[in-house]
Amino acid sequence: MRRPGGARLDRREHRAFVLWAADCAEHVLQAFERQCPHDARPRRALEVARAWAHGEVALADARAAAFAAHAAARAVDHPAARAAARAAGHAAAAAHVADHAGHAATYALTAAGDAVDTPGRVIAREREWQSRSRAAHLLPVESPA
């Protein structure tokens, strides 16, 4: 993720994007937890992502949590559940590479859309929620979501 013109994110912005990515993923995590109530890997990835953003865990912990959430995604057949777990994995991976925050948001949109029969409005509402929940100082940053 970069600012318009290609400027890199500073540390504060990077951490804010990780927190936003975790919020986006958590907003749809119930799609996974309904299908796999005993698999805590995606939820744990969000906890670790937030802990990294607050300086409480090492980057290696965030990467391991991201890999675990992606393994949970591969283990489930339900499309919305899979997308929700991937959103959580990308939120944790954003600690390593901020661009993953945008992927977390995109997978969250996919999870929201896959959870219903008429996805258009749901995806639009989820995208609006994501935009509103992003910190004001991050709005000028380019992201895929």
N, C-alpha and C. Protein backbone atom coordinates (compact mmCIF):
# COMPACT_ATOMS: atom_id res chain seq x y z
N MET A 1 0.85 -1.16 0.00
CA MET A 1 0.00 0.00 0.00
C MET A 1 0.90 1.23 0.00
N ARG A 2 0.51 2.15 -0.78
CA ARG A 2 1.28 3.39 -0.89
C ARG A 2 0.31 4.56 -0.97
N ARG A 3 0.86 5.70 -0.68
CA ARG A 3 0.09 6.92 -0.86
C ARG A 3 0.09 7.25 -2.35
N PRO A 4 -0.91 8.04 -2.80
CA PRO A 4 -0.88 8.48 -4.20
C PRO A 4 0.48 9.12 -4.51
N GLY A 5 1.02 8.80 -5.64
CA GLY A 5 2.34 9.29 -6.00
C GLY A 5 3.44 8.31 -5.64
N GLY A 6 3.09 7.22 -4.95
CA GLY A 6 4.06 6.17 -4.66
C GLY A 6 4.77 6.26 -3.33
N ALA A 7 4.47 7.26 -2.51
CA ALA A 7 5.15 7.38 -1.22
C ALA A 7 4.81 6.18 -0.32
N ARG A 8 5.81 5.71 0.39
CA ARG A 8 5.61 4.55 1.28
C ARG A 8 4.85 4.96 2.54
N LEU A 9 4.22 3.97 3.15
CA LEU A 9 3.54 4.19 4.42
C LEU A 9 4.57 4.35 5.53
N ASP A 10 4.25 5.19 6.50
CA ASP A 10 5.11 5.23 7.68
C ASP A 10 4.63 4.15 8.66
N ARG A 11 5.37 3.97 9.74
CA ARG A 11 5.06 2.90 10.70
C ARG A 11 3.65 3.05 11.28
N ARG A 12 3.27 4.26 11.61
CA ARG A 12 1.93 4.49 12.18
C ARG A 12 0.85 4.10 11.18
N GLU A 13 1.02 4.48 9.93
CA GLU A 13 0.04 4.13 8.89
C GLU A 13 -0.01 2.62 8.67
N HIS A 14 1.16 1.99 8.66
CA HIS A 14 1.21 0.54 8.47
C HIS A 14 0.42 -0.15 9.58
N ARG A 15 0.66 0.23 10.80
CA ARG A 15 -0.04 -0.38 11.93
C ARG A 15 -1.54 -0.10 11.86
N ALA A 16 -1.91 1.10 11.45
CA ALA A 16 -3.33 1.44 11.31
C ALA A 16 -3.99 0.58 10.23
N PHE A 17 -3.27 0.32 9.15
CA PHE A 17 -3.83 -0.54 8.10
C PHE A 17 -3.99 -1.98 8.59
N VAL A 18 -3.08 -2.45 9.39
CA VAL A 18 -3.22 -3.80 9.96
C VAL A 18 -4.47 -3.86 10.83
N LEU A 19 -4.67 -2.85 11.66
CA LEU A 19 -5.86 -2.83 12.52
C LEU A 19 -7.13 -2.77 11.68
N TRP A 20 -7.12 -1.97 10.62
CA TRP A 20 -8.29 -1.87 9.75
C TRP A 20 -8.56 -3.21 9.06
N ALA A 21 -7.49 -3.86 8.59
CA ALA A 21 -7.65 -5.16 7.94
C ALA A 21 -8.26 -6.17 8.92
N ALA A 22 -7.81 -6.14 10.16
CA ALA A 22 -8.37 -7.04 11.17
C ALA A 22 -9.84 -6.74 11.41
N ASP A 23 -10.19 -5.46 11.43
CA ASP A 23 -11.61 -5.09 11.59
C ASP A 23 -12.44 -5.60 10.42
N CYS A 24 -11.93 -5.44 9.21
CA CYS A 24 -12.65 -5.92 8.02
C CYS A 24 -12.87 -7.42 8.09
N ALA A 25 -11.83 -8.15 8.44
CA ALA A 25 -11.93 -9.61 8.52
C ALA A 25 -12.87 -10.03 9.64
N GLU A 26 -12.77 -9.37 10.77
CA GLU A 26 -13.63 -9.74 11.90
C GLU A 26 -15.10 -9.48 11.58
N HIS A 27 -15.36 -8.50 10.76
CA HIS A 27 -16.74 -8.14 10.40
C HIS A 27 -17.46 -9.29 9.70
N VAL A 28 -16.73 -10.19 9.07
CA VAL A 28 -17.33 -11.33 8.36
C VAL A 28 -16.91 -12.68 8.93
N LEU A 29 -16.17 -12.67 10.01
CA LEU A 29 -15.61 -13.92 10.54
C LEU A 29 -16.67 -14.93 10.93
N GLN A 30 -17.86 -14.47 11.26
CA GLN A 30 -18.93 -15.41 11.65
C GLN A 30 -19.23 -16.39 10.52
N ALA A 31 -18.95 -16.01 9.27
CA ALA A 31 -19.17 -16.94 8.15
C ALA A 31 -18.29 -18.18 8.31
N PHE A 32 -17.08 -17.99 8.82
CA PHE A 32 -16.21 -19.13 9.09
C PHE A 32 -16.61 -19.84 10.37
N GLU A 33 -16.84 -19.07 11.42
CA GLU A 33 -17.10 -19.67 12.73
C GLU A 33 -18.40 -20.46 12.77
N ARG A 34 -19.37 -20.10 11.94
CA ARG A 34 -20.60 -20.91 11.86
C ARG A 34 -20.32 -22.28 11.26
N GLN A 35 -19.42 -22.33 10.29
CA GLN A 35 -19.09 -23.59 9.62
C GLN A 35 -18.09 -24.43 10.42
N CYS A 36 -17.20 -23.76 11.12
CA CYS A 36 -16.10 -24.44 11.84
C CYS A 36 -15.98 -23.88 13.25
N PRO A 37 -16.97 -24.12 14.09
CA PRO A 37 -16.99 -23.47 15.41
C PRO A 37 -15.82 -23.85 16.32
N HIS A 38 -15.13 -24.93 16.04
CA HIS A 38 -14.03 -25.35 16.91
C HIS A 38 -12.65 -25.02 16.34
N ASP A 39 -12.62 -24.32 15.23
CA ASP A 39 -11.35 -23.95 14.60
C ASP A 39 -11.09 -22.47 14.87
N ALA A 40 -10.17 -22.19 15.76
CA ALA A 40 -9.90 -20.82 16.19
C ALA A 40 -8.77 -20.15 15.41
N ARG A 41 -8.23 -20.81 14.40
CA ARG A 41 -7.07 -20.24 13.71
C ARG A 41 -7.34 -18.87 13.08
N PRO A 42 -8.45 -18.65 12.38
CA PRO A 42 -8.67 -17.31 11.83
C PRO A 42 -8.86 -16.25 12.93
N ARG A 43 -9.61 -16.57 13.97
CA ARG A 43 -9.79 -15.62 15.08
C ARG A 43 -8.45 -15.32 15.73
N ARG A 44 -7.64 -16.34 15.90
CA ARG A 44 -6.31 -16.14 16.49
C ARG A 44 -5.46 -15.24 15.59
N ALA A 45 -5.58 -15.38 14.29
CA ALA A 45 -4.83 -14.52 13.38
C ALA A 45 -5.19 -13.06 13.59
N LEU A 46 -6.46 -12.78 13.84
CA LEU A 46 -6.88 -11.40 14.08
C LEU A 46 -6.33 -10.89 15.41
N GLU A 47 -6.34 -11.73 16.41
CA GLU A 47 -5.78 -11.34 17.71
C GLU A 47 -4.29 -11.02 17.58
N VAL A 48 -3.58 -11.86 16.85
CA VAL A 48 -2.14 -11.66 16.68
C VAL A 48 -1.87 -10.43 15.82
N ALA A 49 -2.67 -10.21 14.79
CA ALA A 49 -2.50 -9.00 13.96
C ALA A 49 -2.63 -7.75 14.82
N ARG A 50 -3.65 -7.71 15.64
CA ARG A 50 -3.84 -6.55 16.52
C ARG A 50 -2.71 -6.42 17.53
N ALA A 51 -2.28 -7.55 18.07
CA ALA A 51 -1.17 -7.52 19.02
C ALA A 51 0.10 -6.99 18.35
N TRP A 52 0.34 -7.40 17.09
CA TRP A 52 1.51 -6.88 16.36
C TRP A 52 1.39 -5.36 16.19
N ALA A 53 0.21 -4.90 15.82
CA ALA A 53 0.01 -3.46 15.60
C ALA A 53 0.26 -2.66 16.87
N HIS A 54 0.07 -3.29 18.02
CA HIS A 54 0.30 -2.61 19.30
C HIS A 54 1.69 -2.90 19.86
N GLY A 55 2.53 -3.55 19.07
CA GLY A 55 3.89 -3.82 19.49
C GLY A 55 4.04 -4.92 20.53
N GLU A 56 3.05 -5.81 20.59
CA GLU A 56 3.04 -6.84 21.65
C GLU A 56 3.59 -8.19 21.21
N VAL A 57 3.68 -8.43 19.91
CA VAL A 57 4.23 -9.70 19.42
C VAL A 57 5.17 -9.42 18.26
N ALA A 58 6.00 -10.40 17.97
CA ALA A 58 6.97 -10.27 16.88
C ALA A 58 6.31 -10.51 15.52
N LEU A 59 6.96 -10.01 14.50
CA LEU A 59 6.49 -10.21 13.13
C LEU A 59 6.36 -11.70 12.81
N ALA A 60 7.28 -12.50 13.29
CA ALA A 60 7.23 -13.94 13.03
C ALA A 60 5.93 -14.55 13.57
N ASP A 61 5.44 -14.05 14.69
CA ASP A 61 4.17 -14.54 15.24
C ASP A 61 3.01 -14.21 14.31
N ALA A 62 3.03 -13.01 13.75
CA ALA A 62 1.97 -12.61 12.83
C ALA A 62 2.01 -13.46 11.56
N ARG A 63 3.19 -13.71 11.06
CA ARG A 63 3.32 -14.54 9.86
C ARG A 63 2.83 -15.96 10.12
N ALA A 64 3.19 -16.52 11.26
CA ALA A 64 2.74 -17.88 11.59
C ALA A 64 1.22 -17.94 11.72
N ALA A 65 0.64 -16.92 12.33
CA ALA A 65 -0.82 -16.87 12.47
C ALA A 65 -1.49 -16.73 11.10
N ALA A 66 -0.87 -15.96 10.21
CA ALA A 66 -1.42 -15.82 8.85
C ALA A 66 -1.42 -17.16 8.13
N PHE A 67 -0.31 -17.88 8.20
CA PHE A 67 -0.24 -19.19 7.55
C PHE A 67 -1.28 -20.14 8.13
N ALA A 68 -1.48 -20.09 9.44
CA ALA A 68 -2.47 -20.97 10.08
C ALA A 68 -3.88 -20.64 9.61
N ALA A 69 -4.20 -19.36 9.49
CA ALA A 69 -5.54 -18.98 9.02
C ALA A 69 -5.75 -19.43 7.58
N HIS A 70 -4.72 -19.32 6.76
CA HIS A 70 -4.84 -19.79 5.37
C HIS A 70 -4.99 -21.31 5.31
N ALA A 71 -4.35 -22.02 6.23
CA ALA A 71 -4.54 -23.47 6.30
C ALA A 71 -5.99 -23.79 6.67
N ALA A 72 -6.56 -23.00 7.57
CA ALA A 72 -7.97 -23.19 7.94
C ALA A 72 -8.86 -22.95 6.72
N ALA A 73 -8.52 -21.97 5.91
CA ALA A 73 -9.30 -21.68 4.70
C ALA A 73 -9.26 -22.87 3.74
N ARG A 74 -8.10 -23.46 3.60
CA ARG A 74 -7.97 -24.61 2.69
C ARG A 74 -8.75 -25.83 3.20
N ALA A 75 -9.01 -25.88 4.49
CA ALA A 75 -9.66 -27.05 5.09
C ALA A 75 -11.18 -26.99 5.04
N VAL A 76 -11.76 -25.89 4.58
CA VAL A 76 -13.21 -25.75 4.58
C VAL A 76 -13.72 -25.64 3.14
N ASP A 77 -14.87 -26.25 2.88
CA ASP A 77 -15.44 -26.24 1.53
C ASP A 77 -16.41 -25.10 1.28
N HIS A 78 -16.96 -24.51 2.31
CA HIS A 78 -17.97 -23.46 2.17
C HIS A 78 -17.30 -22.17 1.67
N PRO A 79 -17.76 -21.60 0.54
CA PRO A 79 -17.09 -20.43 -0.06
C PRO A 79 -16.99 -19.22 0.87
N ALA A 80 -18.07 -18.87 1.57
CA ALA A 80 -18.02 -17.71 2.45
C ALA A 80 -17.08 -17.95 3.62
N ALA A 81 -17.11 -19.16 4.16
CA ALA A 81 -16.21 -19.50 5.27
C ALA A 81 -14.76 -19.44 4.82
N ARG A 82 -14.49 -19.96 3.63
CA ARG A 82 -13.13 -19.94 3.10
C ARG A 82 -12.65 -18.50 2.92
N ALA A 83 -13.49 -17.66 2.35
CA ALA A 83 -13.10 -16.26 2.13
C ALA A 83 -12.89 -15.54 3.45
N ALA A 84 -13.72 -15.82 4.45
CA ALA A 84 -13.56 -15.17 5.75
C ALA A 84 -12.23 -15.57 6.40
N ALA A 85 -11.87 -16.84 6.30
CA ALA A 85 -10.59 -17.29 6.86
C ALA A 85 -9.43 -16.66 6.10
N ARG A 86 -9.56 -16.54 4.79
CA ARG A 86 -8.50 -15.88 4.01
C ARG A 86 -8.39 -14.40 4.38
N ALA A 87 -9.52 -13.75 4.64
CA ALA A 87 -9.48 -12.35 5.08
C ALA A 87 -8.67 -12.24 6.37
N ALA A 88 -8.90 -13.15 7.30
CA ALA A 88 -8.15 -13.14 8.56
C ALA A 88 -6.67 -13.40 8.32
N GLY A 89 -6.37 -14.34 7.43
CA GLY A 89 -4.98 -14.62 7.12
C GLY A 89 -4.26 -13.42 6.52
N HIS A 90 -4.94 -12.72 5.63
CA HIS A 90 -4.32 -11.54 5.03
C HIS A 90 -4.20 -10.39 6.03
N ALA A 91 -5.12 -10.30 6.97
CA ALA A 91 -5.00 -9.26 8.00
C ALA A 91 -3.72 -9.48 8.80
N ALA A 92 -3.46 -10.71 9.18
CA ALA A 92 -2.23 -11.00 9.92
C ALA A 92 -1.00 -10.82 9.03
N ALA A 93 -1.10 -11.22 7.77
CA ALA A 93 0.02 -11.08 6.84
C ALA A 93 0.35 -9.61 6.57
N ALA A 94 -0.60 -8.72 6.77
CA ALA A 94 -0.36 -7.29 6.56
C ALA A 94 0.70 -6.75 7.50
N ALA A 95 0.97 -7.44 8.60
CA ALA A 95 2.06 -7.03 9.48
C ALA A 95 3.39 -7.11 8.72
N HIS A 96 3.53 -8.10 7.88
CA HIS A 96 4.76 -8.29 7.10
C HIS A 96 4.78 -7.39 5.87
N VAL A 97 3.69 -7.38 5.12
CA VAL A 97 3.58 -6.57 3.90
C VAL A 97 2.23 -5.87 3.94
N ALA A 98 2.23 -4.56 4.03
CA ALA A 98 0.99 -3.80 4.21
C ALA A 98 -0.03 -4.04 3.11
N ASP A 99 0.43 -4.40 1.91
CA ASP A 99 -0.51 -4.65 0.81
C ASP A 99 -1.53 -5.74 1.13
N HIS A 100 -1.20 -6.62 2.05
CA HIS A 100 -2.15 -7.66 2.43
C HIS A 100 -3.41 -7.08 3.06
N ALA A 101 -3.35 -5.88 3.59
CA ALA A 101 -4.54 -5.26 4.18
C ALA A 101 -5.64 -5.11 3.13
N GLY A 102 -5.28 -4.69 1.95
CA GLY A 102 -6.26 -4.58 0.87
C GLY A 102 -6.84 -5.93 0.48
N HIS A 103 -6.00 -6.96 0.52
CA HIS A 103 -6.49 -8.31 0.21
C HIS A 103 -7.45 -8.79 1.30
N ALA A 104 -7.17 -8.44 2.55
CA ALA A 104 -8.09 -8.80 3.63
C ALA A 104 -9.45 -8.18 3.39
N ALA A 105 -9.46 -6.92 3.00
CA ALA A 105 -10.73 -6.24 2.72
C ALA A 105 -11.45 -6.88 1.54
N THR A 106 -10.71 -7.23 0.51
CA THR A 106 -11.32 -7.86 -0.66
C THR A 106 -11.91 -9.22 -0.33
N TYR A 107 -11.18 -10.02 0.43
CA TYR A 107 -11.72 -11.33 0.85
C TYR A 107 -12.93 -11.15 1.77
N ALA A 108 -12.93 -10.11 2.58
CA ALA A 108 -14.10 -9.85 3.43
C ALA A 108 -15.32 -9.54 2.56
N LEU A 109 -15.13 -8.77 1.50
CA LEU A 109 -16.23 -8.51 0.57
C LEU A 109 -16.71 -9.81 -0.06
N THR A 110 -15.78 -10.66 -0.45
CA THR A 110 -16.15 -11.95 -1.04
C THR A 110 -16.94 -12.79 -0.04
N ALA A 111 -16.49 -12.83 1.20
CA ALA A 111 -17.20 -13.60 2.23
C ALA A 111 -18.60 -13.07 2.43
N ALA A 112 -18.74 -11.76 2.47
CA ALA A 112 -20.08 -11.16 2.65
C ALA A 112 -20.98 -11.52 1.48
N GLY A 113 -20.46 -11.44 0.27
CA GLY A 113 -21.26 -11.75 -0.92
C GLY A 113 -21.59 -13.22 -1.04
N ASP A 114 -20.64 -14.08 -0.70
CA ASP A 114 -20.87 -15.53 -0.81
C ASP A 114 -21.83 -16.05 0.24
N ALA A 115 -22.09 -15.27 1.27
CA ALA A 115 -22.95 -15.72 2.37
C ALA A 115 -24.44 -15.53 2.07
N VAL A 116 -24.76 -14.86 0.96
CA VAL A 116 -26.16 -14.55 0.66
C VAL A 116 -26.49 -14.92 -0.79
N ASP A 117 -27.79 -14.98 -1.08
CA ASP A 117 -28.24 -15.30 -2.44
C ASP A 117 -28.15 -14.11 -3.39
N THR A 118 -28.27 -12.91 -2.88
CA THR A 118 -28.22 -11.69 -3.70
C THR A 118 -27.07 -10.83 -3.21
N PRO A 119 -25.86 -11.08 -3.68
CA PRO A 119 -24.68 -10.44 -3.11
C PRO A 119 -24.47 -8.97 -3.42
N GLY A 120 -25.04 -8.45 -4.48
CA GLY A 120 -24.74 -7.08 -4.91
C GLY A 120 -24.90 -6.05 -3.82
N ARG A 121 -26.06 -6.01 -3.20
CA ARG A 121 -26.30 -5.01 -2.15
C ARG A 121 -25.46 -5.27 -0.91
N VAL A 122 -25.28 -6.53 -0.58
CA VAL A 122 -24.49 -6.87 0.60
C VAL A 122 -23.05 -6.42 0.41
N ILE A 123 -22.50 -6.67 -0.76
CA ILE A 123 -21.13 -6.25 -1.04
C ILE A 123 -21.02 -4.73 -1.01
N ALA A 124 -21.99 -4.05 -1.57
CA ALA A 124 -21.96 -2.58 -1.56
C ALA A 124 -22.01 -2.05 -0.13
N ARG A 125 -22.85 -2.66 0.71
CA ARG A 125 -22.93 -2.22 2.12
C ARG A 125 -21.62 -2.53 2.85
N GLU A 126 -21.05 -3.68 2.57
CA GLU A 126 -19.79 -4.04 3.22
C GLU A 126 -18.67 -3.10 2.79
N ARG A 127 -18.62 -2.77 1.51
CA ARG A 127 -17.60 -1.82 1.02
C ARG A 127 -17.78 -0.45 1.67
N GLU A 128 -19.03 -0.02 1.82
CA GLU A 128 -19.32 1.26 2.48
C GLU A 128 -18.85 1.20 3.94
N TRP A 129 -19.14 0.09 4.63
CA TRP A 129 -18.70 -0.06 6.02
C TRP A 129 -17.18 0.00 6.09
N GLN A 130 -16.49 -0.69 5.17
CA GLN A 130 -15.03 -0.68 5.17
C GLN A 130 -14.50 0.74 4.99
N SER A 131 -15.10 1.49 4.10
CA SER A 131 -14.66 2.87 3.86
C SER A 131 -14.88 3.74 5.09
N ARG A 132 -16.02 3.57 5.73
CA ARG A 132 -16.31 4.37 6.93
C ARG A 132 -15.39 3.99 8.09
N SER A 133 -15.01 2.74 8.17
CA SER A 133 -14.22 2.28 9.31
C SER A 133 -12.73 2.57 9.17
N ARG A 134 -12.29 2.93 7.97
CA ARG A 134 -10.88 3.23 7.78
C ARG A 134 -10.58 4.60 8.35
N ALA A 135 -9.50 4.70 9.09
CA ALA A 135 -9.11 5.97 9.72
C ALA A 135 -8.99 7.06 8.66
N ALA A 136 -9.41 8.25 9.02
CA ALA A 136 -9.44 9.37 8.08
C ALA A 136 -8.07 9.64 7.47
N HIS A 137 -7.00 9.51 8.25
CA HIS A 137 -5.67 9.79 7.70
C HIS A 137 -5.20 8.73 6.72
N LEU A 138 -5.93 7.62 6.60
CA LEU A 138 -5.56 6.57 5.65
C LEU A 138 -6.34 6.65 4.35
N LEU A 139 -7.36 7.48 4.29
CA LEU A 139 -8.21 7.52 3.10
C LEU A 139 -7.48 7.82 1.81
N PRO A 140 -6.44 8.67 1.79
CA PRO A 140 -5.79 8.92 0.51
C PRO A 140 -4.86 7.81 0.04
N VAL A 141 -4.74 6.72 0.79
CA VAL A 141 -3.86 5.63 0.40
C VAL A 141 -4.56 4.74 -0.61
N GLU A 142 -3.83 4.33 -1.64
CA GLU A 142 -4.39 3.47 -2.68
C GLU A 142 -4.42 2.02 -2.19
N SER A 143 -5.56 1.37 -2.34
CA SER A 143 -5.68 -0.04 -2.00
C SER A 143 -6.66 -0.69 -2.96
N PRO A 144 -6.62 -2.02 -3.09
CA PRO A 144 -7.51 -2.68 -4.05
C PRO A 144 -8.97 -2.70 -3.61
N ALA A 145 -9.25 -2.49 -2.34
CA ALA A 145 -10.64 -2.56 -1.85
C ALA A 145 -11.30 -1.21 -1.87
